[in-house]
Amino acid sequence: MKPQLILIGAPGSGKGTQAKNLIDEMGYNHISTGDLLRAEIAKGSELGQKLKSILDAGNLVDDATVLELLNANCELEGKSYIFDGYPRNLEQAKALDEHVLKGANSMAIYFDIDLEILIERIVNRRTAPKSGEIYNLITRPPKVPGKCDVSGEDLVHRKDDNEDTVRNRMNIFKENVDPILEYYEGQGRLQRVNAASSAVEVFELIKKIIDNK
């Protein structure tokens, strides 16, 4: 069976694109804690009600409850999952191993890219809300400045895509990611891909990594 995958990468490093490729072409199941949380609340289960009360009180969902959520939605027997957006720190990485993966065949893939390149990529990102198209003023500019090639709608520059906000997000990511990478590397479970390569090249490399596992 294919290994359980833990995708690690800074915002804008391409994790989302590759997760979709892995789902579409290799039959992986996507685990996003945010999506699971919303789905569990919508189900109205006992866990969902617990989560709703935590959020309604304006609190963050604690790690123990996130693990409960993951266990309720992961059937590692016969299924391969992508863990995306979790773990975010070393404690969560250890807890994921102990309480969810429990010795299952798994590996972490780090989307390695110069954070300065990412900052430039995100600051120059523009989106088309209706069509869902995403442009970059440097690497993939629209044919008509400020307009979506598909729908013709005005492109939007998200408020949180300004340089100060993006740089702060990258600094927080960097502080938390190094101990996680050391943890997985120390166990021989870490693979790195050059996220500055094209999406096609990155996916081919990930497929090779999985096939050789």
C-alpha atoms as a PDB file:
ATOM      1  CA  MET A   1       0.000   0.000   0.000  1.00  0.00           C
ATOM      2  CA  LYS A   2       1.148   3.550  -0.691  1.00  0.00           C
ATOM      3  CA  PRO A   3       2.656   5.365   2.294  1.00  0.00           C
ATOM      4  CA  GLN A   4       0.741   7.921   4.349  1.00  0.00           C
ATOM      5  CA  LEU A   5       2.034  11.351   3.310  1.00  0.00           C
ATOM      6  CA  ILE A   6       2.679  14.411   5.440  1.00  0.00           C
ATOM      7  CA  LEU A   7       3.089  17.462   3.197  1.00  0.00           C
ATOM      8  CA  ILE A   8       5.178  20.258   4.685  1.00  0.00           C
ATOM      9  CA  GLY A   9       5.711  23.601   3.010  1.00  0.00           C
ATOM     10  CA  ALA A  10       5.375  27.333   3.411  1.00  0.00           C
ATOM     11  CA  PRO A  11       2.284  29.186   2.129  1.00  0.00           C
ATOM     12  CA  GLY A  12       2.492  29.368  -1.660  1.00  0.00           C
ATOM     13  CA  SER A  13       5.005  26.512  -2.021  1.00  0.00           C
ATOM     14  CA  GLY A  14       2.624  24.393  -4.134  1.00  0.00           C
ATOM     15  CA  LYS A  15       1.343  21.876  -1.590  1.00  0.00           C
ATOM     16  CA  GLY A  16      -2.281  22.384  -2.631  1.00  0.00           C
ATOM     17  CA  THR A  17      -1.548  21.784  -6.315  1.00  0.00           C
ATOM     18  CA  GLN A  18       0.369  18.593  -5.611  1.00  0.00           C
ATOM     19  CA  ALA A  19      -2.224  17.324  -3.121  1.00  0.00           C
ATOM     20  CA  LYS A  20      -4.846  17.625  -5.883  1.00  0.00           C
ATOM     21  CA  ASN A  21      -2.568  15.734  -8.292  1.00  0.00           C
ATOM     22  CA  LEU A  22      -2.036  12.955  -5.751  1.00  0.00           C
ATOM     23  CA  ILE A  23      -5.778  12.643  -5.185  1.00  0.00           C
ATOM     24  CA  ASP A  24      -6.677  12.672  -8.894  1.00  0.00           C
ATOM     25  CA  GLU A  25      -3.896  10.428 -10.202  1.00  0.00           C
ATOM     26  CA  MET A  26      -2.819   8.215  -7.293  1.00  0.00           C
ATOM     27  CA  GLY A  27      -6.021   7.743  -5.321  1.00  0.00           C
ATOM     28  CA  TYR A  28      -4.939   9.498  -2.146  1.00  0.00           C
ATOM     29  CA  ASN A  29      -7.463  10.825   0.372  1.00  0.00           C
ATOM     30  CA  HIS A  30      -6.999  14.418   1.506  1.00  0.00           C
ATOM     31  CA  ILE A  31      -6.945  15.263   5.208  1.00  0.00           C
ATOM     32  CA  SER A  32      -7.290  18.974   5.911  1.00  0.00           C
ATOM     33  CA  THR A  33      -8.016  19.669   9.573  1.00  0.00           C
ATOM     34  CA  GLY A  34      -9.985  22.785   8.629  1.00  0.00           C
ATOM     35  CA  ASP A  35     -12.214  20.869   6.207  1.00  0.00           C
ATOM     36  CA  LEU A  36     -12.680  18.008   8.678  1.00  0.00           C
ATOM     37  CA  LEU A  37     -13.633  20.423  11.421  1.00  0.00           C
ATOM     38  CA  ARG A  38     -16.315  22.086   9.298  1.00  0.00           C
ATOM     39  CA  ALA A  39     -17.659  18.719   8.093  1.00  0.00           C
ATOM     40  CA  GLU A  40     -17.846  17.295  11.624  1.00  0.00           C
ATOM     41  CA  ILE A  41     -19.764  20.338  12.860  1.00  0.00           C
ATOM     42  CA  ALA A  42     -22.142  20.060   9.884  1.00  0.00           C
ATOM     43  CA  LYS A  43     -22.798  16.379  10.759  1.00  0.00           C
ATOM     44  CA  GLY A  44     -23.943  17.415  14.213  1.00  0.00           C
ATOM     45  CA  SER A  45     -22.066  14.516  15.824  1.00  0.00           C
ATOM     46  CA  GLU A  46     -21.083  14.547  19.469  1.00  0.00           C
ATOM     47  CA  LEU A  47     -17.559  15.545  18.437  1.00  0.00           C
ATOM     48  CA  GLY A  48     -19.008  18.167  16.076  1.00  0.00           C
ATOM     49  CA  GLN A  49     -21.014  19.709  18.906  1.00  0.00           C
ATOM     50  CA  LYS A  50     -17.887  19.771  21.056  1.00  0.00           C
ATOM     51  CA  LEU A  51     -15.956  21.523  18.289  1.00  0.00           C
ATOM     52  CA  LYS A  52     -18.759  24.032  17.736  1.00  0.00           C
ATOM     53  CA  SER A  53     -18.848  24.969  21.411  1.00  0.00           C
ATOM     54  CA  ILE A  54     -15.064  25.538  21.388  1.00  0.00           C
ATOM     55  CA  LEU A  55     -15.245  27.783  18.324  1.00  0.00           C
ATOM     56  CA  ASP A  56     -18.388  29.599  19.452  1.00  0.00           C
ATOM     57  CA  ALA A  57     -16.538  30.536  22.629  1.00  0.00           C
ATOM     58  CA  GLY A  58     -13.847  32.117  20.452  1.00  0.00           C
ATOM     59  CA  ASN A  59     -11.196  29.545  21.375  1.00  0.00           C
ATOM     60  CA  LEU A  60      -8.736  27.621  19.217  1.00  0.00           C
ATOM     61  CA  VAL A  61      -9.276  23.880  18.927  1.00  0.00           C
ATOM     62  CA  ASP A  62      -6.717  22.211  21.199  1.00  0.00           C
ATOM     63  CA  ASP A  63      -4.332  19.520  19.951  1.00  0.00           C
ATOM     64  CA  ALA A  64      -6.066  16.697  21.821  1.00  0.00           C
ATOM     65  CA  THR A  65      -9.376  17.489  20.118  1.00  0.00           C
ATOM     66  CA  VAL A  66      -7.696  17.738  16.705  1.00  0.00           C
ATOM     67  CA  LEU A  67      -6.249  14.253  17.261  1.00  0.00           C
ATOM     68  CA  GLU A  68      -9.726  13.024  18.198  1.00  0.00           C
ATOM     69  CA  LEU A  69     -11.008  14.537  14.951  1.00  0.00           C
ATOM     70  CA  LEU A  70      -8.266  12.857  12.900  1.00  0.00           C
ATOM     71  CA  ASN A  71      -8.860   9.459  14.507  1.00  0.00           C
ATOM     72  CA  ALA A  72     -12.586   9.737  13.810  1.00  0.00           C
ATOM     73  CA  ASN A  73     -11.931  10.328  10.112  1.00  0.00           C
ATOM     74  CA  CYS A  74      -8.855   8.244   9.259  1.00  0.00           C
ATOM     75  CA  GLU A  75      -9.062   4.555   8.388  1.00  0.00           C
ATOM     76  CA  LEU A  76      -5.436   3.678   7.809  1.00  0.00           C
ATOM     77  CA  GLU A  77      -6.292   0.081   6.982  1.00  0.00           C
ATOM     78  CA  GLY A  78      -6.454   0.003   3.200  1.00  0.00           C
ATOM     79  CA  LYS A  79      -6.412   3.781   2.649  1.00  0.00           C
ATOM     80  CA  SER A  80      -3.624   6.259   1.980  1.00  0.00           C
ATOM     81  CA  TYR A  81      -3.944   9.808   3.241  1.00  0.00           C
ATOM     82  CA  ILE A  82      -2.342  13.186   2.691  1.00  0.00           C
ATOM     83  CA  PHE A  83      -1.984  15.184   5.892  1.00  0.00           C
ATOM     84  CA  ASP A  84      -1.957  18.830   4.818  1.00  0.00           C
ATOM     85  CA  GLY A  85      -1.606  21.713   7.268  1.00  0.00           C
ATOM     86  CA  TYR A  86      -0.917  19.380  10.182  1.00  0.00           C
ATOM     87  CA  PRO A  87       1.413  19.020  12.000  1.00  0.00           C
ATOM     88  CA  ARG A  88       2.361  22.676  12.458  1.00  0.00           C
ATOM     89  CA  ASN A  89       4.932  22.160  15.213  1.00  0.00           C
ATOM     90  CA  LEU A  90       7.146  19.448  16.718  1.00  0.00           C
ATOM     91  CA  GLU A  91       4.678  18.501  19.461  1.00  0.00           C
ATOM     92  CA  GLN A  92       1.946  17.915  16.872  1.00  0.00           C
ATOM     93  CA  ALA A  93       4.316  15.827  14.731  1.00  0.00           C
ATOM     94  CA  LYS A  94       5.069  13.547  17.672  1.00  0.00           C
ATOM     95  CA  ALA A  95       1.389  13.339  18.636  1.00  0.00           C
ATOM     96  CA  LEU A  96       0.383  12.461  15.056  1.00  0.00           C
ATOM     97  CA  ASP A  97       2.834   9.548  15.121  1.00  0.00           C
ATOM     98  CA  GLU A  98       1.747   8.332  18.545  1.00  0.00           C
ATOM     99  CA  HIS A  99      -2.016   8.704  18.343  1.00  0.00           C
ATOM    100  CA  VAL A 100      -2.943   8.493  14.644  1.00  0.00           C
ATOM    101  CA  LEU A 101      -0.259   6.873  12.481  1.00  0.00           C
ATOM    102  CA  LYS A 102       0.770   4.395  15.189  1.00  0.00           C
ATOM    103  CA  GLY A 103       3.662   2.907  13.229  1.00  0.00           C
ATOM    104  CA  ALA A 104       1.960   2.952   9.822  1.00  0.00           C
ATOM    105  CA  ASN A 105       4.184   3.309   6.768  1.00  0.00           C
ATOM    106  CA  SER A 106       4.500   7.085   6.393  1.00  0.00           C
ATOM    107  CA  MET A 107       6.787   9.791   5.094  1.00  0.00           C
ATOM    108  CA  ALA A 108       7.065  13.564   5.135  1.00  0.00           C
ATOM    109  CA  ILE A 109       7.651  15.539   1.941  1.00  0.00           C
ATOM    110  CA  TYR A 110       9.089  19.022   2.339  1.00  0.00           C
ATOM    111  CA  PHE A 111       8.485  21.575  -0.417  1.00  0.00           C
ATOM    112  CA  ASP A 112      11.888  23.217  -0.287  1.00  0.00           C
ATOM    113  CA  ILE A 113      12.102  26.722  -1.737  1.00  0.00           C
ATOM    114  CA  ASP A 114      13.859  29.996  -0.942  1.00  0.00           C
ATOM    115  CA  LEU A 115      11.392  31.979   1.170  1.00  0.00           C
ATOM    116  CA  GLU A 116      12.350  35.200  -0.648  1.00  0.00           C
ATOM    117  CA  ILE A 117      11.143  33.612  -3.895  1.00  0.00           C
ATOM    118  CA  LEU A 118       7.884  32.678  -2.170  1.00  0.00           C
ATOM    119  CA  ILE A 119       7.395  36.190  -0.825  1.00  0.00           C
ATOM    120  CA  GLU A 120       7.811  37.592  -4.342  1.00  0.00           C
ATOM    121  CA  ARG A 121       5.455  34.913  -5.713  1.00  0.00           C
ATOM    122  CA  ILE A 122       2.685  35.656  -3.204  1.00  0.00           C
ATOM    123  CA  VAL A 123       2.973  39.450  -3.300  1.00  0.00           C
ATOM    124  CA  ASN A 124       2.522  39.284  -7.092  1.00  0.00           C
ATOM    125  CA  ARG A 125      -0.411  36.848  -6.903  1.00  0.00           C
ATOM    126  CA  ARG A 126      -3.769  37.958  -8.310  1.00  0.00           C
ATOM    127  CA  THR A 127      -6.997  35.945  -8.223  1.00  0.00           C
ATOM    128  CA  ALA A 128     -10.267  35.886 -10.168  1.00  0.00           C
ATOM    129  CA  PRO A 129     -13.043  35.206  -7.606  1.00  0.00           C
ATOM    130  CA  LYS A 130     -15.646  33.914 -10.084  1.00  0.00           C
ATOM    131  CA  SER A 131     -13.519  31.739 -12.373  1.00  0.00           C
ATOM    132  CA  GLY A 132     -11.090  30.635  -9.675  1.00  0.00           C
ATOM    133  CA  GLU A 133      -8.107  31.366 -11.923  1.00  0.00           C
ATOM    134  CA  ILE A 134      -4.867  32.392 -10.203  1.00  0.00           C
ATOM    135  CA  TYR A 135      -2.299  34.624 -11.906  1.00  0.00           C
ATOM    136  CA  ASN A 136       1.143  35.912 -11.074  1.00  0.00           C
ATOM    137  CA  LEU A 137       2.292  39.253 -12.441  1.00  0.00           C
ATOM    138  CA  ILE A 138       5.807  37.852 -12.998  1.00  0.00           C
ATOM    139  CA  THR A 139       5.435  34.169 -13.894  1.00  0.00           C
ATOM    140  CA  ARG A 140       1.876  34.003 -15.247  1.00  0.00           C
ATOM    141  CA  PRO A 141       0.513  37.473 -16.044  1.00  0.00           C
ATOM    142  CA  PRO A 142      -2.970  37.890 -17.528  1.00  0.00           C
ATOM    143  CA  LYS A 143      -3.168  38.768 -21.239  1.00  0.00           C
ATOM    144  CA  VAL A 144      -4.993  42.000 -20.384  1.00  0.00           C
ATOM    145  CA  PRO A 145      -3.599  43.704 -17.269  1.00  0.00           C
ATOM    146  CA  GLY A 146      -6.000  43.402 -14.323  1.00  0.00           C
ATOM    147  CA  LYS A 147      -8.465  41.125 -16.162  1.00  0.00           C
ATOM    148  CA  CYS A 148      -9.056  37.366 -16.047  1.00  0.00           C
ATOM    149  CA  ASP A 149      -8.268  35.594 -19.346  1.00  0.00           C
ATOM    150  CA  VAL A 150     -11.218  33.216 -18.833  1.00  0.00           C
ATOM    151  CA  SER A 151     -14.036  35.378 -17.462  1.00  0.00           C
ATOM    152  CA  GLY A 152     -12.859  38.913 -18.132  1.00  0.00           C
ATOM    153  CA  GLU A 153     -13.579  39.832 -14.506  1.00  0.00           C
ATOM    154  CA  ASP A 154     -11.368  42.165 -12.489  1.00  0.00           C
ATOM    155  CA  LEU A 155      -8.488  40.455 -10.738  1.00  0.00           C
ATOM    156  CA  VAL A 156      -8.182  40.818  -6.978  1.00  0.00           C
ATOM    157  CA  HIS A 157      -5.077  41.378  -4.873  1.00  0.00           C
ATOM    158  CA  ARG A 158      -5.834  39.903  -1.460  1.00  0.00           C
ATOM    159  CA  LYS A 159      -5.225  42.268   1.438  1.00  0.00           C
ATOM    160  CA  ASP A 160      -3.105  39.708   3.276  1.00  0.00           C
ATOM    161  CA  ASP A 161      -0.858  39.273   0.220  1.00  0.00           C
ATOM    162  CA  ASN A 162       1.060  42.463   1.046  1.00  0.00           C
ATOM    163  CA  GLU A 163       4.784  42.116   1.712  1.00  0.00           C
ATOM    164  CA  ASP A 164       4.771  42.872   5.468  1.00  0.00           C
ATOM    165  CA  THR A 165       2.025  40.327   6.201  1.00  0.00           C
ATOM    166  CA  VAL A 166       3.557  37.669   3.948  1.00  0.00           C
ATOM    167  CA  ARG A 167       7.036  38.166   5.439  1.00  0.00           C
ATOM    168  CA  ASN A 168       5.606  37.788   8.950  1.00  0.00           C
ATOM    169  CA  ARG A 169       3.831  34.544   7.937  1.00  0.00           C
ATOM    170  CA  MET A 170       7.083  33.205   6.491  1.00  0.00           C
ATOM    171  CA  ASN A 171       9.029  34.034   9.658  1.00  0.00           C
ATOM    172  CA  ILE A 172       6.468  32.178  11.797  1.00  0.00           C
ATOM    173  CA  PHE A 173       6.611  29.209   9.410  1.00  0.00           C
ATOM    174  CA  LYS A 174      10.422  29.126   9.522  1.00  0.00           C
ATOM    175  CA  GLU A 175      10.492  29.157  13.332  1.00  0.00           C
ATOM    176  CA  ASN A 176       8.180  26.135  13.541  1.00  0.00           C
ATOM    177  CA  VAL A 177       9.292  24.057  10.561  1.00  0.00           C
ATOM    178  CA  ASP A 178      12.967  23.451  11.355  1.00  0.00           C
ATOM    179  CA  PRO A 179      12.319  21.235  14.438  1.00  0.00           C
ATOM    180  CA  ILE A 180       9.704  19.260  12.440  1.00  0.00           C
ATOM    181  CA  LEU A 181      12.166  18.641   9.601  1.00  0.00           C
ATOM    182  CA  GLU A 182      14.875  17.566  12.067  1.00  0.00           C
ATOM    183  CA  TYR A 183      12.405  15.153  13.694  1.00  0.00           C
ATOM    184  CA  TYR A 184      11.427  13.415  10.450  1.00  0.00           C
ATOM    185  CA  GLU A 185      14.977  13.498   9.078  1.00  0.00           C
ATOM    186  CA  GLY A 186      16.266  11.846  12.239  1.00  0.00           C
ATOM    187  CA  GLN A 187      13.859   8.972  11.597  1.00  0.00           C
ATOM    188  CA  GLY A 188      14.783   8.661   7.934  1.00  0.00           C
ATOM    189  CA  ARG A 189      11.249   9.640   6.915  1.00  0.00           C
ATOM    190  CA  LEU A 190      11.930  13.006   5.248  1.00  0.00           C
ATOM    191  CA  GLN A 191      12.115  13.657   1.505  1.00  0.00           C
ATOM    192  CA  ARG A 192      12.740  17.083  -0.008  1.00  0.00           C
ATOM    193  CA  VAL A 193      11.521  18.320  -3.374  1.00  0.00           C
ATOM    194  CA  ASN A 194      12.652  21.477  -5.134  1.00  0.00           C
ATOM    195  CA  ALA A 195       9.443  23.501  -5.045  1.00  0.00           C
ATOM    196  CA  ALA A 196      10.972  26.147  -7.310  1.00  0.00           C
ATOM    197  CA  SER A 197      10.666  23.657 -10.203  1.00  0.00           C
ATOM    198  CA  SER A 198       7.567  23.501 -12.385  1.00  0.00           C
ATOM    199  CA  ALA A 199       4.445  21.829 -10.971  1.00  0.00           C
ATOM    200  CA  VAL A 200       4.855  18.991 -13.502  1.00  0.00           C
ATOM    201  CA  GLU A 201       8.476  18.356 -12.474  1.00  0.00           C
ATOM    202  CA  VAL A 202       7.587  18.427  -8.762  1.00  0.00           C
ATOM    203  CA  PHE A 203       4.785  15.905  -9.262  1.00  0.00           C
ATOM    204  CA  GLU A 204       7.033  13.543 -11.228  1.00  0.00           C
ATOM    205  CA  LEU A 205       9.588  13.678  -8.422  1.00  0.00           C
ATOM    206  CA  ILE A 206       6.920  12.986  -5.772  1.00  0.00           C
ATOM    207  CA  LYS A 207       5.670   9.978  -7.766  1.00  0.00           C
ATOM    208  CA  LYS A 208       9.201   8.574  -7.918  1.00  0.00           C
ATOM    209  CA  ILE A 209       9.606   9.062  -4.160  1.00  0.00           C
ATOM    210  CA  ILE A 210       6.342   7.193  -3.479  1.00  0.00           C
ATOM    211  CA  ASP A 211       7.130   4.390  -5.926  1.00  0.00           C
ATOM    212  CA  ASN A 212      10.532   3.832  -4.283  1.00  0.00           C
ATOM    213  CA  LYS A 213       9.171   3.811  -0.741  1.00  0.00           C
END
